[in-house]
Protein backbone atom coordinates (compact mmCIF):
# COMPACT_ATOMS: atom_id res chain seq x y z
CA MET A 1 0.17 0.08 -0.21
CA GLN A 2 1.56 3.14 -0.71
CA TYR A 3 1.04 6.39 1.46
CA PRO A 4 0.92 10.09 -0.50
CA THR A 5 3.68 12.14 0.67
CA LEU A 6 3.01 13.02 4.28
CA ARG A 7 5.74 16.38 4.35
CA ARG A 8 3.49 19.46 5.21
CA ARG A 9 4.08 22.68 3.10
CA ARG A 10 6.90 24.88 4.64
CA THR A 11 4.23 27.49 5.49
CA ASP A 12 2.73 25.14 8.60
CA MET A 13 3.62 26.23 11.76
CA GLY A 14 3.28 24.68 15.15
CA ARG A 15 5.48 23.98 17.93
CA ARG A 16 8.61 22.13 16.42
CA VAL A 17 8.82 18.52 18.22
CA LEU A 18 11.16 15.77 18.15
CA ILE A 19 9.96 12.02 18.01
CA VAL A 20 12.22 9.78 20.29
CA GLY A 21 11.84 6.40 18.96
CA ALA A 22 11.60 5.19 15.26
CA GLY A 23 9.55 2.22 14.96
CA ASP A 24 5.62 1.56 14.64
CA THR A 25 4.55 3.63 17.14
CA ALA A 26 6.57 6.56 16.00
CA LYS A 27 5.36 6.49 12.58
CA LEU A 28 1.49 6.85 13.89
CA VAL A 29 2.14 9.88 16.05
CA VAL A 30 4.14 11.57 12.96
CA LYS A 31 1.16 10.63 10.24
CA GLU A 32 -1.72 11.94 13.20
CA LEU A 33 0.78 14.74 13.47
CA PHE A 34 0.70 15.50 9.64
CA THR A 35 -3.31 14.99 9.04
CA SER A 36 -4.40 16.87 12.32
CA PRO A 37 -2.69 20.55 11.96
CA GLN A 38 -4.92 21.84 14.88
CA LEU A 39 -2.55 20.06 17.60
CA GLY A 40 -0.17 22.82 16.54
CA MET A 41 2.97 20.39 16.19
CA THR A 42 5.69 20.27 13.43
CA PRO A 43 7.37 16.90 13.79
CA VAL A 44 10.92 17.75 13.01
CA GLY A 45 12.63 13.99 12.91
CA PHE A 46 13.12 11.04 15.07
CA VAL A 47 16.22 10.26 17.52
CA ASP A 48 16.65 6.75 18.42
CA ASP A 49 19.36 4.08 20.23
CA ASP A 50 19.12 1.55 17.30
CA HIS A 51 22.24 2.50 15.16
CA ALA A 52 21.00 0.49 12.42
CA LYS A 53 17.94 3.38 12.10
CA GLN A 54 20.51 6.24 11.75
CA GLY A 55 20.87 8.11 8.82
CA TYR A 56 17.59 6.97 7.55
CA SER A 57 14.38 8.45 6.96
CA LEU A 58 10.69 7.49 8.44
CA CYS A 59 7.73 9.27 7.03
CA ASP A 60 9.99 11.69 4.73
CA LEU A 61 11.59 12.64 8.33
CA PRO A 62 15.17 11.74 9.39
CA VAL A 63 16.80 9.86 12.15
CA LEU A 64 18.83 12.90 13.22
CA GLY A 65 20.85 10.90 16.07
CA THR A 66 20.28 9.01 19.16
CA LEU A 67 19.01 9.79 22.59
CA ASP A 68 22.56 11.24 23.92
CA ASP A 69 22.08 13.78 21.01
CA ILE A 70 18.52 15.10 22.39
CA ARG A 71 20.14 18.23 23.98
CA ASP A 72 22.25 19.60 20.63
CA LEU A 73 19.28 18.77 18.67
CA VAL A 74 16.83 20.70 20.66
CA VAL A 75 19.33 23.81 20.43
CA GLN A 76 20.00 23.04 16.68
CA HIS A 77 16.43 22.62 15.53
CA ALA A 78 14.75 25.11 17.85
CA ILE A 79 12.80 22.14 19.36
CA ALA A 80 10.04 23.22 21.74
CA GLU A 81 8.53 19.80 22.87
CA LEU A 82 9.76 15.66 22.70
CA ILE A 83 7.22 13.06 21.83
CA ILE A 84 8.30 9.59 23.35
CA ALA A 85 6.99 7.19 21.00
CA MET A 86 8.12 4.06 23.13
CA PRO A 87 5.21 3.02 24.79
CA SER A 88 6.79 -0.28 26.34
CA ALA A 89 10.29 1.39 26.87
CA HIS A 90 12.01 0.93 30.15
CA GLY A 91 12.27 3.52 32.95
CA ASN A 92 15.62 3.89 32.71
CA VAL A 93 15.06 5.48 29.21
CA ILE A 94 12.50 7.81 29.85
CA ARG A 95 13.94 8.76 32.73
CA ARG A 96 16.88 9.86 30.33
CA VAL A 97 14.72 11.47 28.13
CA VAL A 98 12.71 13.50 30.51
CA ARG A 99 16.01 14.39 32.16
CA ALA A 100 17.23 15.77 28.16
CA ALA A 101 14.13 17.33 28.21
CA LEU A 102 14.44 19.63 31.70
CA ASP A 103 18.15 20.32 31.01
CA CYS A 104 16.83 22.07 28.03
CA ASN A 105 13.65 23.57 29.47
CA ILE A 106 11.30 22.06 27.24
CA SER A 107 7.98 19.72 27.81
CA THR A 108 7.78 16.06 27.25
CA LEU A 109 5.01 14.05 26.38
CA THR A 110 4.61 10.61 25.87
CA VAL A 111 2.13 8.02 23.94
CA PRO A 112 -0.24 5.81 25.96
CA SER A 113 1.06 2.35 27.01
CA LEU A 114 -1.26 -0.61 25.33
CA PRO A 115 -3.00 -1.42 28.60
CA GLU A 116 -4.08 2.01 28.93
CA ILE A 117 -5.72 2.12 25.68
CA ILE A 118 -7.27 -1.40 26.20
CA THR A 119 -8.69 -0.48 29.50
CA ARG A 120 -9.94 3.24 28.19
CA ARG A 121 -7.97 5.11 30.29
CA MET A 122 -6.42 6.99 27.51
CA PRO A 123 -7.96 7.45 24.15
CA THR A 124 -5.89 5.78 21.40
CA ALA A 125 -4.85 9.27 20.03
CA SER A 126 -4.12 10.99 22.41
CA LEU A 127 -0.95 12.41 24.03
CA ARG A 128 -0.48 12.79 27.41
CA GLU A 129 2.24 13.91 30.00
CA VAL A 130 5.12 11.91 31.40
CA GLU A 131 3.72 10.19 35.17
CA ILE A 132 5.90 8.97 37.74
CA GLN A 133 4.36 5.52 37.14
CA ASP A 134 6.40 5.94 33.43
CA LEU A 135 9.66 6.80 35.13
CA LEU A 136 9.53 4.04 37.71
CA ARG A 137 9.13 1.06 35.07
CA ARG A 138 10.66 -2.01 35.81
CA ASP A 139 12.14 -5.23 34.13
CA PRO A 140 8.80 -7.65 34.29
CA VAL A 141 9.93 -10.04 37.34
CA GLU A 142 9.96 -13.84 36.12
CA THR A 143 8.10 -15.90 39.00
CA ASP A 144 8.33 -19.25 39.21
CA LEU A 145 4.71 -20.11 39.91
CA ALA A 146 5.07 -23.89 40.88
CA SER A 147 7.71 -23.09 43.65
CA VAL A 148 5.23 -20.17 45.02
CA ALA A 149 2.12 -22.72 44.49
CA ALA A 150 4.08 -25.30 46.69
CA LEU A 151 4.65 -23.03 49.62
CA ALA A 152 1.25 -21.55 49.77
CA THR A 153 -1.38 -24.13 48.38
CA LYS A 154 -3.17 -25.65 51.62
CA GLU A 155 -0.96 -23.57 54.00
CA THR A 156 -1.42 -20.20 56.44
CA VAL A 157 0.03 -17.28 54.33
CA LEU A 158 1.05 -14.01 55.85
CA VAL A 159 1.17 -10.75 54.04
CA THR A 160 2.82 -7.54 55.30
CA GLY A 161 1.41 -4.52 53.64
CA ALA A 162 -1.35 -5.64 52.47
CA GLY A 163 -3.19 -2.79 51.82
CA GLY A 164 -0.52 -1.16 49.48
CA SER A 165 -0.62 -1.32 45.91
CA ILE A 166 1.96 -4.04 45.51
CA GLY A 167 0.88 -6.08 48.80
CA SER A 168 -2.97 -6.17 47.64
CA GLU A 169 -1.86 -7.50 44.30
CA LEU A 170 0.27 -10.28 45.98
CA CYS A 171 -3.05 -11.09 47.90
CA ARG A 172 -4.70 -11.49 44.83
CA GLN A 173 -2.38 -13.89 43.20
CA ILE A 174 -2.07 -15.80 46.31
CA ALA A 175 -5.85 -16.32 46.84
CA ARG A 176 -5.56 -18.11 43.48
CA LEU A 177 -3.00 -20.60 44.74
CA ALA A 178 -5.77 -21.71 47.89
CA PRO A 179 -3.98 -21.28 50.63
CA THR A 180 -5.78 -22.33 53.93
CA GLN A 181 -5.74 -19.20 55.12
CA MET A 182 -4.61 -15.66 54.57
CA VAL A 183 -3.27 -13.39 57.16
CA ILE A 184 -3.02 -9.50 55.64
């Protein structure tokens, strides 16, 4: 399928934005920005740490560098805002981007994650400000459920801190293992 040229006319104005990430989500963001001038954003290019993407174009816009180049690119291209188009990026990557934006005194938006879209907490086309949960993202922990089940099934299980978000989630998961009793 051939897409029409997406480049905007040179007379189009708006806040100049740099897209962080050069994958499928970034393509969707740029296409939306090109087709929705009312958003008031003009995409200038992309940054991505994948060295294979350096020097290439996506949606007629160049991949200008890596995340380490953000500060220089903001000055060089008069960037007013960063848009993080990596909904599954780790927290350390998000923190690097936000730190670079803060150092340049510009704002940062992000694309909602797939779980946010699926649970309808965010409309699919919405960008949002970076939240603390984005900065705290961690690698998923793999749990050996068979070992945990052997410890908890038909046993009394004590969960401290069960009123918090992590503790309450632990209680829900442990309850599925059929303990004799849960003390929370």
